[in-house]
Amino acid sequence: MDDAFAQLRGVAACRGEVWAMDVAKKCPRTRPWPCTERARTIARRKVLDLCTDPRLQTRLAGELERWAARWWGQAGP
């Protein structure tokens, strides 16, 4: 699973940044990136096509969320 994660983590990171950019078009960034169950569900949905292993999906979704939050916190207004 570590090899698969290493191969796919860049895809998840890119998707996370794009997700944050899309959200920023609709919502002002006056608050931190949401760490909610809804956000986790959306992140999970965004990686479902990358693999079938639920454990790997969970790791990739976490990576996606991490990069979304990273972009959200670093980007200018």
PDB file of N, CA and C in Angstrom:
ATOM      1  N   MET A   1       0.820  -1.188   0.000  1.00  0.00           N
ATOM      2  CA  MET A   1       0.000   0.000   0.000  1.00  0.00           C
ATOM      3  C   MET A   1       0.873   1.265   0.000  1.00  0.00           C
ATOM      4  N   ASP A   2       2.034   1.217   0.626  1.00  0.00           N
ATOM      5  CA  ASP A   2       2.904   2.399   0.662  1.00  0.00           C
ATOM      6  C   ASP A   2       3.364   2.803  -0.735  1.00  0.00           C
ATOM      7  N   ASP A   3       3.664   1.807  -1.582  1.00  0.00           N
ATOM      8  CA  ASP A   3       4.082   2.119  -2.952  1.00  0.00           C
ATOM      9  C   ASP A   3       2.954   2.789  -3.727  1.00  0.00           C
ATOM     10  N   ALA A   4       1.758   2.256  -3.595  1.00  0.00           N
ATOM     11  CA  ALA A   4       0.602   2.835  -4.294  1.00  0.00           C
ATOM     12  C   ALA A   4       0.345   4.258  -3.793  1.00  0.00           C
ATOM     13  N   PHE A   5       0.467   4.459  -2.488  1.00  0.00           N
ATOM     14  CA  PHE A   5       0.272   5.803  -1.934  1.00  0.00           C
ATOM     15  C   PHE A   5       1.317   6.766  -2.494  1.00  0.00           C
ATOM     16  N   ALA A   6       2.561   6.313  -2.553  1.00  0.00           N
ATOM     17  CA  ALA A   6       3.631   7.164  -3.077  1.00  0.00           C
ATOM     18  C   ALA A   6       3.367   7.542  -4.534  1.00  0.00           C
ATOM     19  N   GLN A   7       2.810   6.617  -5.301  1.00  0.00           N
ATOM     20  CA  GLN A   7       2.529   6.888  -6.709  1.00  0.00           C
ATOM     21  C   GLN A   7       1.340   7.819  -6.897  1.00  0.00           C
ATOM     22  N   LEU A   8       0.375   7.773  -5.988  1.00  0.00           N
ATOM     23  CA  LEU A   8      -0.881   8.511  -6.168  1.00  0.00           C
ATOM     24  C   LEU A   8      -0.997   9.782  -5.330  1.00  0.00           C
ATOM     25  N   ARG A   9      -0.089   9.981  -4.411  1.00  0.00           N
ATOM     26  CA  ARG A   9      -0.225  11.132  -3.515  1.00  0.00           C
ATOM     27  C   ARG A   9      -0.137  12.461  -4.251  1.00  0.00           C
ATOM     28  N   GLY A  10       0.636  12.531  -5.310  1.00  0.00           N
ATOM     29  CA  GLY A  10       0.717  13.759  -6.094  1.00  0.00           C
ATOM     30  C   GLY A  10      -0.604  14.102  -6.770  1.00  0.00           C
ATOM     31  N   VAL A  11      -1.298  13.070  -7.236  1.00  0.00           N
ATOM     32  CA  VAL A  11      -2.612  13.279  -7.847  1.00  0.00           C
ATOM     33  C   VAL A  11      -3.577  13.818  -6.792  1.00  0.00           C
ATOM     34  N   ALA A  12      -3.544  13.213  -5.611  1.00  0.00           N
ATOM     35  CA  ALA A  12      -4.419  13.666  -4.523  1.00  0.00           C
ATOM     36  C   ALA A  12      -4.085  15.105  -4.122  1.00  0.00           C
ATOM     37  N   ALA A  13      -2.809  15.430  -4.059  1.00  0.00           N
ATOM     38  CA  ALA A  13      -2.395  16.787  -3.694  1.00  0.00           C
ATOM     39  C   ALA A  13      -2.904  17.800  -4.715  1.00  0.00           C
ATOM     40  N   CYS A  14      -2.746  17.482  -5.982  1.00  0.00           N
ATOM     41  CA  CYS A  14      -3.214  18.381  -7.042  1.00  0.00           C
ATOM     42  C   CYS A  14      -4.727  18.567  -6.959  1.00  0.00           C
ATOM     43  N   ARG A  15      -5.442  17.493  -6.753  1.00  0.00           N
ATOM     44  CA  ARG A  15      -6.896  17.584  -6.636  1.00  0.00           C
ATOM     45  C   ARG A  15      -7.298  18.410  -5.420  1.00  0.00           C
ATOM     46  N   GLY A  16      -6.538  18.302  -4.350  1.00  0.00           N
ATOM     47  CA  GLY A  16      -6.827  19.095  -3.157  1.00  0.00           C
ATOM     48  C   GLY A  16      -6.674  20.582  -3.419  1.00  0.00           C
ATOM     49  N   GLU A  17      -5.598  20.953  -4.099  1.00  0.00           N
ATOM     50  CA  GLU A  17      -5.388  22.368  -4.411  1.00  0.00           C
ATOM     51  C   GLU A  17      -6.473  22.898  -5.345  1.00  0.00           C
ATOM     52  N   VAL A  18      -6.827  22.116  -6.349  1.00  0.00           N
ATOM     53  CA  VAL A  18      -7.874  22.540  -7.287  1.00  0.00           C
ATOM     54  C   VAL A  18      -9.206  22.683  -6.556  1.00  0.00           C
ATOM     55  N   TRP A  19      -9.485  21.772  -5.653  1.00  0.00           N
ATOM     56  CA  TRP A  19     -10.716  21.842  -4.859  1.00  0.00           C
ATOM     57  C   TRP A  19     -10.753  23.153  -4.072  1.00  0.00           C
ATOM     58  N   ALA A  20      -9.648  23.458  -3.399  1.00  0.00           N
ATOM     59  CA  ALA A  20      -9.592  24.697  -2.614  1.00  0.00           C
ATOM     60  C   ALA A  20      -9.756  25.924  -3.513  1.00  0.00           C
ATOM     61  N   MET A  21      -9.151  25.900  -4.687  1.00  0.00           N
ATOM     62  CA  MET A  21      -9.301  27.021  -5.622  1.00  0.00           C
ATOM     63  C   MET A  21     -10.757  27.184  -6.048  1.00  0.00           C
ATOM     64  N   ASP A  22     -11.419  26.073  -6.304  1.00  0.00           N
ATOM     65  CA  ASP A  22     -12.837  26.124  -6.692  1.00  0.00           C
ATOM     66  C   ASP A  22     -13.699  26.685  -5.567  1.00  0.00           C
ATOM     67  N   VAL A  23     -13.426  26.253  -4.349  1.00  0.00           N
ATOM     68  CA  VAL A  23     -14.196  26.750  -3.202  1.00  0.00           C
ATOM     69  C   VAL A  23     -13.938  28.241  -3.011  1.00  0.00           C
ATOM     70  N   ALA A  24     -12.689  28.663  -3.212  1.00  0.00           N
ATOM     71  CA  ALA A  24     -12.329  30.076  -3.028  1.00  0.00           C
ATOM     72  C   ALA A  24     -13.061  30.992  -4.008  1.00  0.00           C
ATOM     73  N   LYS A  25     -13.463  30.458  -5.147  1.00  0.00           N
ATOM     74  CA  LYS A  25     -14.221  31.256  -6.119  1.00  0.00           C
ATOM     75  C   LYS A  25     -15.618  31.591  -5.601  1.00  0.00           C
ATOM     76  N   LYS A  26     -16.106  30.770  -4.661  1.00  0.00           N
ATOM     77  CA  LYS A  26     -17.475  30.923  -4.162  1.00  0.00           C
ATOM     78  C   LYS A  26     -17.549  31.452  -2.733  1.00  0.00           C
ATOM     79  N   CYS A  27     -16.520  31.193  -1.951  1.00  0.00           N
ATOM     80  CA  CYS A  27     -16.548  31.534  -0.521  1.00  0.00           C
ATOM     81  C   CYS A  27     -15.314  32.354  -0.149  1.00  0.00           C
ATOM     82  N   PRO A  28     -15.506  33.401   0.634  1.00  0.00           N
ATOM     83  CA  PRO A  28     -14.339  34.159   1.094  1.00  0.00           C
ATOM     84  C   PRO A  28     -13.523  33.325   2.085  1.00  0.00           C
ATOM     85  N   ARG A  29     -12.230  33.537   2.069  1.00  0.00           N
ATOM     86  CA  ARG A  29     -11.347  32.769   2.956  1.00  0.00           C
ATOM     87  C   ARG A  29     -11.122  33.493   4.270  1.00  0.00           C
ATOM     88  N   THR A  30     -12.198  33.797   4.947  1.00  0.00           N
ATOM     89  CA  THR A  30     -12.094  34.490   6.229  1.00  0.00           C
ATOM     90  C   THR A  30     -11.927  33.521   7.390  1.00  0.00           C
ATOM     91  N   ARG A  31     -12.175  32.253   7.127  1.00  0.00           N
ATOM     92  CA  ARG A  31     -12.020  31.224   8.166  1.00  0.00           C
ATOM     93  C   ARG A  31     -11.067  30.140   7.673  1.00  0.00           C
ATOM     94  N   PRO A  32     -10.561  29.322   8.585  1.00  0.00           N
ATOM     95  CA  PRO A  32      -9.684  28.222   8.163  1.00  0.00           C
ATOM     96  C   PRO A  32     -10.446  27.203   7.312  1.00  0.00           C
ATOM     97  N   TRP A  33      -9.677  26.401   6.601  1.00  0.00           N
ATOM     98  CA  TRP A  33     -10.275  25.313   5.823  1.00  0.00           C
ATOM     99  C   TRP A  33     -11.069  24.420   6.780  1.00  0.00           C
ATOM    100  N   PRO A  34     -12.286  24.027   6.404  1.00  0.00           N
ATOM    101  CA  PRO A  34     -13.125  23.250   7.321  1.00  0.00           C
ATOM    102  C   PRO A  34     -12.611  21.825   7.528  1.00  0.00           C
ATOM    103  N   CYS A  35     -12.480  21.437   8.768  1.00  0.00           N
ATOM    104  CA  CYS A  35     -12.129  20.060   9.136  1.00  0.00           C
ATOM    105  C   CYS A  35     -13.406  19.406   9.652  1.00  0.00           C
ATOM    106  N   THR A  36     -14.292  19.101   8.733  1.00  0.00           N
ATOM    107  CA  THR A  36     -15.602  18.565   9.094  1.00  0.00           C
ATOM    108  C   THR A  36     -15.827  17.218   8.434  1.00  0.00           C
ATOM    109  N   GLU A  37     -16.836  16.525   8.892  1.00  0.00           N
ATOM    110  CA  GLU A  37     -17.195  15.249   8.278  1.00  0.00           C
ATOM    111  C   GLU A  37     -17.603  15.455   6.822  1.00  0.00           C
ATOM    112  N   ARG A  38     -18.289  16.543   6.556  1.00  0.00           N
ATOM    113  CA  ARG A  38     -18.698  16.838   5.174  1.00  0.00           C
ATOM    114  C   ARG A  38     -17.473  16.998   4.275  1.00  0.00           C
ATOM    115  N   ALA A  39     -16.467  17.718   4.750  1.00  0.00           N
ATOM    116  CA  ALA A  39     -15.242  17.900   3.968  1.00  0.00           C
ATOM    117  C   ALA A  39     -14.545  16.562   3.745  1.00  0.00           C
ATOM    118  N   ARG A  40     -14.510  15.712   4.768  1.00  0.00           N
ATOM    119  CA  ARG A  40     -13.895  14.394   4.625  1.00  0.00           C
ATOM    120  C   ARG A  40     -14.636  13.549   3.593  1.00  0.00           C
ATOM    121  N   THR A  41     -15.957  13.638   3.598  1.00  0.00           N
ATOM    122  CA  THR A  41     -16.767  12.886   2.637  1.00  0.00           C
ATOM    123  C   THR A  41     -16.491  13.360   1.214  1.00  0.00           C
ATOM    124  N   ILE A  42     -16.398  14.659   1.034  1.00  0.00           N
ATOM    125  CA  ILE A  42     -16.102  15.210  -0.291  1.00  0.00           C
ATOM    126  C   ILE A  42     -14.710  14.771  -0.740  1.00  0.00           C
ATOM    127  N   ALA A  43     -13.739  14.852   0.152  1.00  0.00           N
ATOM    128  CA  ALA A  43     -12.371  14.442  -0.176  1.00  0.00           C
ATOM    129  C   ALA A  43     -12.337  12.968  -0.572  1.00  0.00           C
ATOM    130  N   ARG A  44     -13.041  12.157   0.166  1.00  0.00           N
ATOM    131  CA  ARG A  44     -13.084  10.717  -0.141  1.00  0.00           C
ATOM    132  C   ARG A  44     -13.664  10.495  -1.538  1.00  0.00           C
ATOM    133  N   ARG A  45     -14.721  11.214  -1.847  1.00  0.00           N
ATOM    134  CA  ARG A  45     -15.362  11.075  -3.156  1.00  0.00           C
ATOM    135  C   ARG A  45     -14.394  11.471  -4.285  1.00  0.00           C
ATOM    136  N   LYS A  46     -13.527  12.419  -4.010  1.00  0.00           N
ATOM    137  CA  LYS A  46     -12.602  12.915  -5.027  1.00  0.00           C
ATOM    138  C   LYS A  46     -11.456  11.946  -5.327  1.00  0.00           C
ATOM    139  N   VAL A  47     -11.277  10.919  -4.510  1.00  0.00           N
ATOM    140  CA  VAL A  47     -10.207   9.946  -4.769  1.00  0.00           C
ATOM    141  C   VAL A  47     -10.729   8.545  -5.081  1.00  0.00           C
ATOM    142  N   LEU A  48     -12.026   8.375  -5.118  1.00  0.00           N
ATOM    143  CA  LEU A  48     -12.595   7.042  -5.347  1.00  0.00           C
ATOM    144  C   LEU A  48     -12.129   6.411  -6.655  1.00  0.00           C
ATOM    145  N   ASP A  49     -11.872   7.229  -7.657  1.00  0.00           N
ATOM    146  CA  ASP A  49     -11.463   6.687  -8.954  1.00  0.00           C
ATOM    147  C   ASP A  49      -9.985   6.284  -9.001  1.00  0.00           C
ATOM    148  N   LEU A  50      -9.231   6.583  -7.967  1.00  0.00           N
ATOM    149  CA  LEU A  50      -7.799   6.298  -7.982  1.00  0.00           C
ATOM    150  C   LEU A  50      -7.454   4.870  -7.577  1.00  0.00           C
ATOM    151  N   CYS A  51      -8.290   4.249  -6.756  1.00  0.00           N
ATOM    152  CA  CYS A  51      -7.994   2.906  -6.270  1.00  0.00           C
ATOM    153  C   CYS A  51      -9.260   2.270  -5.700  1.00  0.00           C
ATOM    154  N   THR A  52      -9.167   0.983  -5.400  1.00  0.00           N
ATOM    155  CA  THR A  52     -10.322   0.282  -4.822  1.00  0.00           C
ATOM    156  C   THR A  52     -10.117  -0.076  -3.352  1.00  0.00           C
ATOM    157  N   ASP A  53      -8.902   0.020  -2.866  1.00  0.00           N
ATOM    158  CA  ASP A  53      -8.598  -0.321  -1.470  1.00  0.00           C
ATOM    159  C   ASP A  53      -9.110   0.794  -0.552  1.00  0.00           C
ATOM    160  N   PRO A  54     -10.058   0.487   0.336  1.00  0.00           N
ATOM    161  CA  PRO A  54     -10.610   1.523   1.223  1.00  0.00           C
ATOM    162  C   PRO A  54      -9.560   2.180   2.124  1.00  0.00           C
ATOM    163  N   ARG A  55      -8.559   1.424   2.541  1.00  0.00           N
ATOM    164  CA  ARG A  55      -7.501   2.003   3.388  1.00  0.00           C
ATOM    165  C   ARG A  55      -6.687   3.029   2.610  1.00  0.00           C
ATOM    166  N   LEU A  56      -6.391   2.704   1.367  1.00  0.00           N
ATOM    167  CA  LEU A  56      -5.644   3.637   0.527  1.00  0.00           C
ATOM    168  C   LEU A  56      -6.502   4.850   0.184  1.00  0.00           C
ATOM    169  N   GLN A  57      -7.771   4.642  -0.053  1.00  0.00           N
ATOM    170  CA  GLN A  57      -8.681   5.764  -0.300  1.00  0.00           C
ATOM    171  C   GLN A  57      -8.687   6.724   0.884  1.00  0.00           C
ATOM    172  N   THR A  58      -8.691   6.175   2.085  1.00  0.00           N
ATOM    173  CA  THR A  58      -8.681   7.006   3.290  1.00  0.00           C
ATOM    174  C   THR A  58      -7.392   7.822   3.374  1.00  0.00           C
ATOM    175  N   ARG A  59      -6.264   7.190   3.103  1.00  0.00           N
ATOM    176  CA  ARG A  59      -4.982   7.910   3.131  1.00  0.00           C
ATOM    177  C   ARG A  59      -4.926   8.996   2.068  1.00  0.00           C
ATOM    178  N   LEU A  60      -5.394   8.660   0.873  1.00  0.00           N
ATOM    179  CA  LEU A  60      -5.375   9.639  -0.217  1.00  0.00           C
ATOM    180  C   LEU A  60      -6.328  10.795   0.059  1.00  0.00           C
ATOM    181  N   ALA A  61      -7.472  10.497   0.642  1.00  0.00           N
ATOM    182  CA  ALA A  61      -8.422  11.559   0.991  1.00  0.00           C
ATOM    183  C   ALA A  61      -7.807  12.488   2.033  1.00  0.00           C
ATOM    184  N   GLY A  62      -7.087  11.921   2.984  1.00  0.00           N
ATOM    185  CA  GLY A  62      -6.399  12.742   3.983  1.00  0.00           C
ATOM    186  C   GLY A  62      -5.342  13.630   3.350  1.00  0.00           C
ATOM    187  N   GLU A  63      -4.615  13.085   2.396  1.00  0.00           N
ATOM    188  CA  GLU A  63      -3.603  13.867   1.681  1.00  0.00           C
ATOM    189  C   GLU A  63      -4.268  14.983   0.879  1.00  0.00           C
ATOM    190  N   LEU A  64      -5.370  14.675   0.236  1.00  0.00           N
ATOM    191  CA  LEU A  64      -6.121  15.667  -0.523  1.00  0.00           C
ATOM    192  C   LEU A  64      -6.571  16.804   0.389  1.00  0.00           C
ATOM    193  N   GLU A  65      -7.118  16.451   1.540  1.00  0.00           N
ATOM    194  CA  GLU A  65      -7.566  17.485   2.496  1.00  0.00           C
ATOM    195  C   GLU A  65      -6.400  18.338   2.986  1.00  0.00           C
ATOM    196  N   ARG A  66      -5.278  17.694   3.241  1.00  0.00           N
ATOM    197  CA  ARG A  66      -4.100  18.411   3.730  1.00  0.00           C
ATOM    198  C   ARG A  66      -3.647  19.456   2.715  1.00  0.00           C
ATOM    199  N   TRP A  67      -3.631  19.094   1.452  1.00  0.00           N
ATOM    200  CA  TRP A  67      -3.203  20.032   0.415  1.00  0.00           C
ATOM    201  C   TRP A  67      -4.242  21.108   0.166  1.00  0.00           C
ATOM    202  N   ALA A  68      -5.508  20.773   0.298  1.00  0.00           N
ATOM    203  CA  ALA A  68      -6.553  21.800   0.166  1.00  0.00           C
ATOM    204  C   ALA A  68      -6.369  22.844   1.265  1.00  0.00           C
ATOM    205  N   ALA A  69      -6.174  22.384   2.486  1.00  0.00           N
ATOM    206  CA  ALA A  69      -5.988  23.295   3.619  1.00  0.00           C
ATOM    207  C   ALA A  69      -4.702  24.103   3.460  1.00  0.00           C
ATOM    208  N   ARG A  70      -3.676  23.468   2.947  1.00  0.00           N
ATOM    209  CA  ARG A  70      -2.397  24.157   2.732  1.00  0.00           C
ATOM    210  C   ARG A  70      -2.580  25.300   1.732  1.00  0.00           C
ATOM    211  N   TRP A  71      -3.217  25.011   0.603  1.00  0.00           N
ATOM    212  CA  TRP A  71      -3.452  26.063  -0.391  1.00  0.00           C
ATOM    213  C   TRP A  71      -4.317  27.169   0.200  1.00  0.00           C
ATOM    214  N   TRP A  72      -5.361  26.775   0.891  1.00  0.00           N
ATOM    215  CA  TRP A  72      -6.310  27.731   1.482  1.00  0.00           C
ATOM    216  C   TRP A  72      -5.587  28.697   2.420  1.00  0.00           C
ATOM    217  N   GLY A  73      -4.665  28.180   3.200  1.00  0.00           N
ATOM    218  CA  GLY A  73      -3.947  29.003   4.170  1.00  0.00           C
ATOM    219  C   GLY A  73      -2.846  29.854   3.569  1.00  0.00           C
ATOM    220  N   GLN A  74      -2.296  29.454   2.425  1.00  0.00           N
ATOM    221  CA  GLN A  74      -1.169  30.179   1.834  1.00  0.00           C
ATOM    222  C   GLN A  74      -1.568  31.178   0.768  1.00  0.00           C
ATOM    223  N   ALA A  75      -2.653  30.928   0.090  1.00  0.00           N
ATOM    224  CA  ALA A  75      -3.025  31.771  -1.052  1.00  0.00           C
ATOM    225  C   ALA A  75      -3.462  33.155  -0.594  1.00  0.00           C
ATOM    226  N   GLY A  76      -3.211  34.126  -1.431  1.00  0.00           N
ATOM    227  CA  GLY A  76      -3.638  35.493  -1.131  1.00  0.00           C
ATOM    228  C   GLY A  76      -5.121  35.672  -1.410  1.00  0.00           C
ATOM    229  N   PRO A  77      -5.671  36.828  -1.086  1.00  0.00           N
ATOM    230  CA  PRO A  77      -7.112  37.070  -1.268  1.00  0.00           C
ATOM    231  C   PRO A  77      -7.591  37.031  -2.682  1.00  0.00           C
TER     232      PRO A  77
END
